[in-house]
């Protein structure tokens, strides 16, 4: 069953305007059912093209961040402090992505799309 997602983008593709309710199974945290509006909104965000592109961009930035940092750098220099703050931001973003997917599909045992299958 597909649920209509009302996109503000009139040129958006048809696939991004629907959430497949068959992908969402069970309850999350024993509270949020399959048709919960918050869970459906999380599913729309998780399935959106922009969100997935943002996550891919953050993965690329994180990779460059890892490549730039070397063990030969002197401790306490500005470069290391900047890289550390970028790393904090990446950790926060990836934690948000993980939490969104757990909220949408469940952590474990909530069907074929659970975060841990």
N, C-alpha and C. Protein backbone atom coordinates (compact mmCIF):
# COMPACT_ATOMS: atom_id res chain seq x y z
N UNK A 1 0.84 -1.17 0.00
CA UNK A 1 0.00 0.00 0.00
C UNK A 1 0.89 1.24 0.00
N UNK A 2 0.58 2.18 -0.82
CA UNK A 2 1.36 3.40 -0.91
C UNK A 2 0.60 4.55 -0.26
N UNK A 3 1.32 5.38 0.46
CA UNK A 3 0.73 6.55 1.08
C UNK A 3 1.24 7.78 0.34
N UNK A 4 0.33 8.65 -0.03
CA UNK A 4 0.66 9.84 -0.80
C UNK A 4 1.48 10.79 0.05
N UNK A 5 2.57 11.26 -0.50
CA UNK A 5 3.40 12.27 0.13
C UNK A 5 3.24 13.55 -0.68
N UNK A 6 2.71 14.58 -0.09
CA UNK A 6 2.47 15.82 -0.81
C UNK A 6 3.74 16.63 -0.85
N UNK A 7 4.38 16.61 -2.00
CA UNK A 7 5.65 17.29 -2.20
C UNK A 7 5.40 18.75 -2.57
N UNK A 8 6.27 19.63 -2.07
CA UNK A 8 6.17 21.04 -2.45
C UNK A 8 6.89 21.29 -3.76
N UNK A 9 7.62 20.29 -4.24
CA UNK A 9 8.34 20.41 -5.50
C UNK A 9 7.46 19.89 -6.63
N UNK A 10 6.93 20.77 -7.49
CA UNK A 10 6.03 20.32 -8.54
C UNK A 10 6.73 19.46 -9.59
N UNK A 11 8.04 19.57 -9.68
CA UNK A 11 8.79 18.81 -10.68
C UNK A 11 9.36 17.52 -10.10
N UNK A 12 9.03 17.18 -8.83
CA UNK A 12 9.57 15.99 -8.19
C UNK A 12 9.12 14.72 -8.89
N UNK A 13 9.95 13.71 -8.85
CA UNK A 13 9.59 12.46 -9.51
C UNK A 13 8.51 11.74 -8.71
N UNK A 14 7.74 10.91 -9.38
CA UNK A 14 6.60 10.24 -8.77
C UNK A 14 7.04 9.30 -7.65
N UNK A 15 8.14 8.60 -7.82
CA UNK A 15 8.58 7.63 -6.82
C UNK A 15 8.86 8.29 -5.47
N UNK A 16 9.35 9.54 -5.48
CA UNK A 16 9.68 10.19 -4.22
C UNK A 16 8.45 10.76 -3.53
N UNK A 17 7.29 10.72 -4.17
CA UNK A 17 6.09 11.27 -3.56
C UNK A 17 5.28 10.23 -2.80
N UNK A 18 5.74 8.99 -2.78
CA UNK A 18 5.01 7.94 -2.10
C UNK A 18 5.90 7.23 -1.09
N UNK A 19 5.28 6.75 -0.02
CA UNK A 19 5.96 5.93 0.96
C UNK A 19 5.32 4.57 0.90
N UNK A 20 6.11 3.54 0.69
CA UNK A 20 5.60 2.18 0.61
C UNK A 20 5.36 1.67 2.03
N UNK A 21 4.09 1.52 2.41
CA UNK A 21 3.77 1.07 3.76
C UNK A 21 4.15 -0.38 3.99
N UNK A 22 4.40 -1.15 2.94
CA UNK A 22 4.83 -2.53 3.11
C UNK A 22 6.25 -2.60 3.65
N UNK A 23 7.04 -1.55 3.46
CA UNK A 23 8.40 -1.51 4.01
C UNK A 23 8.39 -1.26 5.52
N UNK A 24 7.32 -0.67 6.02
CA UNK A 24 7.21 -0.34 7.45
C UNK A 24 6.39 -1.45 8.11
N UNK A 25 7.01 -2.14 9.07
CA UNK A 25 6.34 -3.26 9.73
C UNK A 25 6.42 -3.10 11.24
N UNK A 26 5.50 -3.75 11.93
CA UNK A 26 5.54 -3.81 13.38
C UNK A 26 5.39 -2.47 14.06
N UNK A 27 5.85 -2.43 15.29
CA UNK A 27 5.84 -1.18 16.06
C UNK A 27 7.27 -0.85 16.47
N UNK A 28 7.51 0.43 16.64
CA UNK A 28 8.83 0.88 17.06
C UNK A 28 8.73 1.34 18.51
N UNK A 29 9.63 0.88 19.34
CA UNK A 29 9.67 1.20 20.77
C UNK A 29 8.37 0.80 21.47
N UNK A 30 7.65 -0.16 20.90
CA UNK A 30 6.38 -0.68 21.43
C UNK A 30 5.31 0.41 21.54
N UNK A 31 5.47 1.50 20.84
CA UNK A 31 4.53 2.62 20.92
C UNK A 31 4.03 3.03 19.54
N UNK A 32 4.95 3.26 18.61
CA UNK A 32 4.62 3.83 17.32
C UNK A 32 4.27 2.74 16.32
N UNK A 33 3.01 2.72 15.92
CA UNK A 33 2.53 1.72 14.98
C UNK A 33 2.87 2.06 13.54
N UNK A 34 2.41 1.20 12.66
CA UNK A 34 2.71 1.30 11.24
C UNK A 34 2.18 2.59 10.60
N UNK A 35 1.06 3.09 11.08
CA UNK A 35 0.43 4.27 10.48
C UNK A 35 0.63 5.54 11.30
N UNK A 36 1.57 5.54 12.23
CA UNK A 36 1.82 6.71 13.05
C UNK A 36 2.34 7.86 12.17
N UNK A 37 1.77 9.06 12.30
CA UNK A 37 2.18 10.18 11.45
C UNK A 37 3.67 10.54 11.59
N UNK A 38 4.22 10.45 12.80
CA UNK A 38 5.64 10.75 12.97
C UNK A 38 6.52 9.72 12.26
N UNK A 39 6.10 8.49 12.34
CA UNK A 39 6.86 7.43 11.68
C UNK A 39 6.77 7.56 10.15
N UNK A 40 5.62 7.93 9.65
CA UNK A 40 5.47 8.13 8.21
C UNK A 40 6.27 9.33 7.73
N UNK A 41 6.31 10.39 8.55
CA UNK A 41 7.13 11.56 8.19
C UNK A 41 8.61 11.19 8.17
N UNK A 42 9.03 10.37 9.14
CA UNK A 42 10.42 9.90 9.16
C UNK A 42 10.72 9.06 7.92
N UNK A 43 9.76 8.23 7.50
CA UNK A 43 9.94 7.40 6.31
C UNK A 43 10.05 8.27 5.06
N UNK A 44 9.24 9.32 4.98
CA UNK A 44 9.32 10.23 3.83
C UNK A 44 10.69 10.91 3.77
N UNK A 45 11.17 11.35 4.94
CA UNK A 45 12.48 12.01 4.98
C UNK A 45 13.58 11.02 4.61
N UNK A 46 13.51 9.81 5.15
CA UNK A 46 14.55 8.81 4.90
C UNK A 46 14.57 8.37 3.45
N UNK A 47 13.41 8.36 2.79
CA UNK A 47 13.32 7.94 1.39
C UNK A 47 13.59 9.08 0.41
N UNK A 48 13.68 10.31 0.90
CA UNK A 48 13.82 11.44 -0.02
C UNK A 48 15.20 11.44 -0.69
N UNK A 49 15.21 11.87 -1.92
CA UNK A 49 16.44 11.93 -2.71
C UNK A 49 17.43 12.91 -2.10
N UNK A 50 16.95 14.05 -1.63
CA UNK A 50 17.82 15.06 -1.04
C UNK A 50 18.52 14.57 0.21
N UNK A 51 17.79 13.84 1.07
CA UNK A 51 18.38 13.32 2.29
C UNK A 51 19.48 12.31 1.97
N UNK A 52 19.21 11.41 1.02
CA UNK A 52 20.21 10.41 0.65
C UNK A 52 21.43 11.06 0.00
N UNK A 53 21.22 12.09 -0.81
CA UNK A 53 22.35 12.80 -1.40
C UNK A 53 23.17 13.54 -0.34
N UNK A 54 22.49 14.10 0.65
CA UNK A 54 23.19 14.77 1.75
C UNK A 54 24.05 13.77 2.52
N UNK A 55 23.53 12.61 2.79
CA UNK A 55 24.29 11.59 3.52
C UNK A 55 25.51 11.16 2.70
N UNK A 56 25.35 11.00 1.39
CA UNK A 56 26.51 10.66 0.55
C UNK A 56 27.56 11.77 0.55
N UNK A 57 27.11 13.02 0.53
CA UNK A 57 28.04 14.14 0.60
C UNK A 57 28.79 14.13 1.94
N UNK A 58 28.07 13.87 3.02
CA UNK A 58 28.71 13.82 4.34
C UNK A 58 29.71 12.67 4.43
N UNK A 59 29.42 11.55 3.78
CA UNK A 59 30.37 10.43 3.75
C UNK A 59 31.64 10.85 3.03
N UNK A 60 31.49 11.57 1.93
CA UNK A 60 32.67 12.06 1.19
C UNK A 60 33.47 13.04 2.03
N UNK A 61 32.81 13.96 2.71
CA UNK A 61 33.50 14.93 3.55
C UNK A 61 34.22 14.21 4.70
N UNK A 62 33.58 13.22 5.28
CA UNK A 62 34.19 12.46 6.36
C UNK A 62 35.42 11.70 5.88
N UNK A 63 35.35 11.18 4.67
CA UNK A 63 36.50 10.47 4.10
C UNK A 63 37.67 11.41 3.89
N UNK A 64 37.40 12.59 3.35
CA UNK A 64 38.46 13.59 3.16
C UNK A 64 39.02 14.00 4.51
N UNK A 65 38.16 14.15 5.50
CA UNK A 65 38.59 14.51 6.85
C UNK A 65 39.56 13.47 7.40
N UNK A 66 39.25 12.20 7.18
CA UNK A 66 40.15 11.14 7.65
C UNK A 66 41.47 11.15 6.90
N UNK A 67 41.44 11.48 5.62
CA UNK A 67 42.66 11.49 4.82
C UNK A 67 43.56 12.67 5.17
N UNK A 68 42.98 13.79 5.57
CA UNK A 68 43.77 14.99 5.87
C UNK A 68 44.48 14.87 7.21
N UNK A 69 43.86 14.22 8.16
CA UNK A 69 44.45 14.09 9.48
C UNK A 69 45.55 13.04 9.47
N UNK A 70 46.71 13.41 9.98
CA UNK A 70 47.84 12.47 10.02
C UNK A 70 48.39 12.38 11.45
N UNK A 71 49.02 11.27 11.79
CA UNK A 71 49.61 11.16 13.13
C UNK A 71 50.86 12.04 13.29
N UNK A 72 51.38 12.61 12.21
CA UNK A 72 52.57 13.44 12.28
C UNK A 72 52.26 14.88 12.65
N UNK A 73 50.98 15.25 12.67
CA UNK A 73 50.60 16.62 13.04
C UNK A 73 50.92 16.89 14.51
N UNK A 74 51.37 18.09 14.77
CA UNK A 74 51.67 18.47 16.16
C UNK A 74 50.36 18.65 16.92
N UNK A 75 50.29 18.16 18.14
CA UNK A 75 49.06 18.32 18.92
C UNK A 75 48.76 19.79 19.20
N UNK A 76 47.47 20.11 19.17
CA UNK A 76 47.03 21.45 19.54
C UNK A 76 47.03 22.47 18.42
N UNK A 77 47.41 22.10 17.22
CA UNK A 77 47.39 23.09 16.14
C UNK A 77 45.95 23.32 15.67
N UNK A 78 45.76 24.43 15.02
CA UNK A 78 44.41 24.83 14.59
C UNK A 78 43.78 23.81 13.64
N UNK A 79 44.59 23.24 12.77
CA UNK A 79 44.09 22.25 11.81
C UNK A 79 43.42 21.08 12.53
N UNK A 80 44.03 20.58 13.58
CA UNK A 80 43.46 19.45 14.32
C UNK A 80 42.17 19.83 15.04
N UNK A 81 42.12 21.06 15.54
CA UNK A 81 40.89 21.50 16.21
C UNK A 81 39.74 21.61 15.21
N UNK A 82 40.01 22.14 14.03
CA UNK A 82 38.98 22.25 13.00
C UNK A 82 38.51 20.86 12.57
N UNK A 83 39.47 19.97 12.34
CA UNK A 83 39.11 18.60 11.94
C UNK A 83 38.32 17.89 13.04
N UNK A 84 38.63 18.18 14.29
CA UNK A 84 37.90 17.58 15.40
C UNK A 84 36.44 18.06 15.41
N UNK A 85 36.21 19.35 15.17
CA UNK A 85 34.84 19.86 15.12
C UNK A 85 34.08 19.32 13.92
N UNK A 86 34.77 19.15 12.79
CA UNK A 86 34.12 18.52 11.63
C UNK A 86 33.74 17.10 11.98
N UNK A 87 34.61 16.40 12.69
CA UNK A 87 34.32 15.02 13.11
C UNK A 87 33.12 14.98 14.05
N UNK A 88 33.00 15.94 14.96
CA UNK A 88 31.82 16.01 15.84
C UNK A 88 30.55 16.19 15.03
N UNK A 89 30.61 17.06 14.02
CA UNK A 89 29.45 17.28 13.17
C UNK A 89 29.06 16.03 12.39
N UNK A 90 30.06 15.33 11.88
CA UNK A 90 29.79 14.09 11.14
C UNK A 90 29.17 13.04 12.06
N UNK A 91 29.69 12.93 13.27
CA UNK A 91 29.14 11.97 14.22
C UNK A 91 27.68 12.30 14.53
N UNK A 92 27.38 13.57 14.72
CA UNK A 92 25.99 13.98 14.98
C UNK A 92 25.09 13.67 13.80
N UNK A 93 25.56 13.95 12.59
CA UNK A 93 24.74 13.70 11.39
C UNK A 93 24.50 12.22 11.18
N UNK A 94 25.52 11.40 11.36
CA UNK A 94 25.35 9.96 11.16
C UNK A 94 24.53 9.34 12.29
N UNK A 95 24.61 9.90 13.49
CA UNK A 95 23.76 9.44 14.58
C UNK A 95 22.30 9.78 14.29
N UNK A 96 22.06 10.96 13.72
CA UNK A 96 20.70 11.33 13.33
C UNK A 96 20.17 10.39 12.25
N UNK A 97 21.00 10.07 11.26
CA UNK A 97 20.58 9.15 10.20
C UNK A 97 20.23 7.78 10.78
N UNK A 98 21.08 7.27 11.67
CA UNK A 98 20.83 5.97 12.30
C UNK A 98 19.52 6.01 13.10
N UNK A 99 19.33 7.06 13.87
CA UNK A 99 18.11 7.19 14.68
C UNK A 99 16.87 7.27 13.80
N UNK A 100 16.97 7.98 12.69
CA UNK A 100 15.84 8.10 11.76
C UNK A 100 15.49 6.74 11.18
N UNK A 101 16.48 5.96 10.79
CA UNK A 101 16.23 4.64 10.22
C UNK A 101 15.69 3.68 11.27
N UNK A 102 16.18 3.77 12.49
CA UNK A 102 15.65 2.92 13.57
C UNK A 102 14.22 3.30 13.86
N UNK A 103 13.91 4.60 13.88
CA UNK A 103 12.55 5.04 14.14
C UNK A 103 11.61 4.63 13.01
N UNK A 104 12.10 4.61 11.78
CA UNK A 104 11.26 4.26 10.64
C UNK A 104 11.05 2.76 10.54
N UNK A 105 12.12 1.98 10.63
CA UNK A 105 12.03 0.55 10.34
C UNK A 105 12.15 -0.34 11.57
N UNK A 106 12.46 0.20 12.72
CA UNK A 106 12.66 -0.61 13.92
C UNK A 106 14.11 -1.02 14.06
N UNK A 107 14.50 -1.40 15.27
CA UNK A 107 15.89 -1.73 15.52
C UNK A 107 16.21 -3.17 15.14
N UNK A 108 15.51 -4.10 15.75
CA UNK A 108 15.75 -5.51 15.45
C UNK A 108 14.42 -6.27 15.56
N UNK A 109 14.19 -7.18 14.65
CA UNK A 109 13.00 -8.01 14.71
C UNK A 109 11.71 -7.33 14.30
N UNK A 110 11.80 -6.24 13.56
CA UNK A 110 10.59 -5.53 13.12
C UNK A 110 10.35 -5.73 11.63
N UNK A 111 10.77 -6.84 11.09
CA UNK A 111 10.53 -7.13 9.69
C UNK A 111 11.81 -7.14 8.88
N UNK A 112 11.63 -7.25 7.58
CA UNK A 112 12.77 -7.43 6.67
C UNK A 112 13.63 -6.18 6.54
N UNK A 113 13.12 -5.02 6.91
CA UNK A 113 13.89 -3.77 6.78
C UNK A 113 14.40 -3.24 8.10
N UNK A 114 14.39 -4.04 9.16
CA UNK A 114 14.90 -3.58 10.45
C UNK A 114 16.34 -3.13 10.33
N UNK A 115 16.73 -2.23 11.20
CA UNK A 115 18.11 -1.70 11.17
C UNK A 115 19.11 -2.84 11.32
N UNK A 116 18.86 -3.71 12.27
CA UNK A 116 19.66 -4.93 12.42
C UNK A 116 18.76 -6.09 12.07
N UNK A 117 19.07 -6.79 10.99
CA UNK A 117 18.21 -7.87 10.50
C UNK A 117 18.58 -9.18 11.10
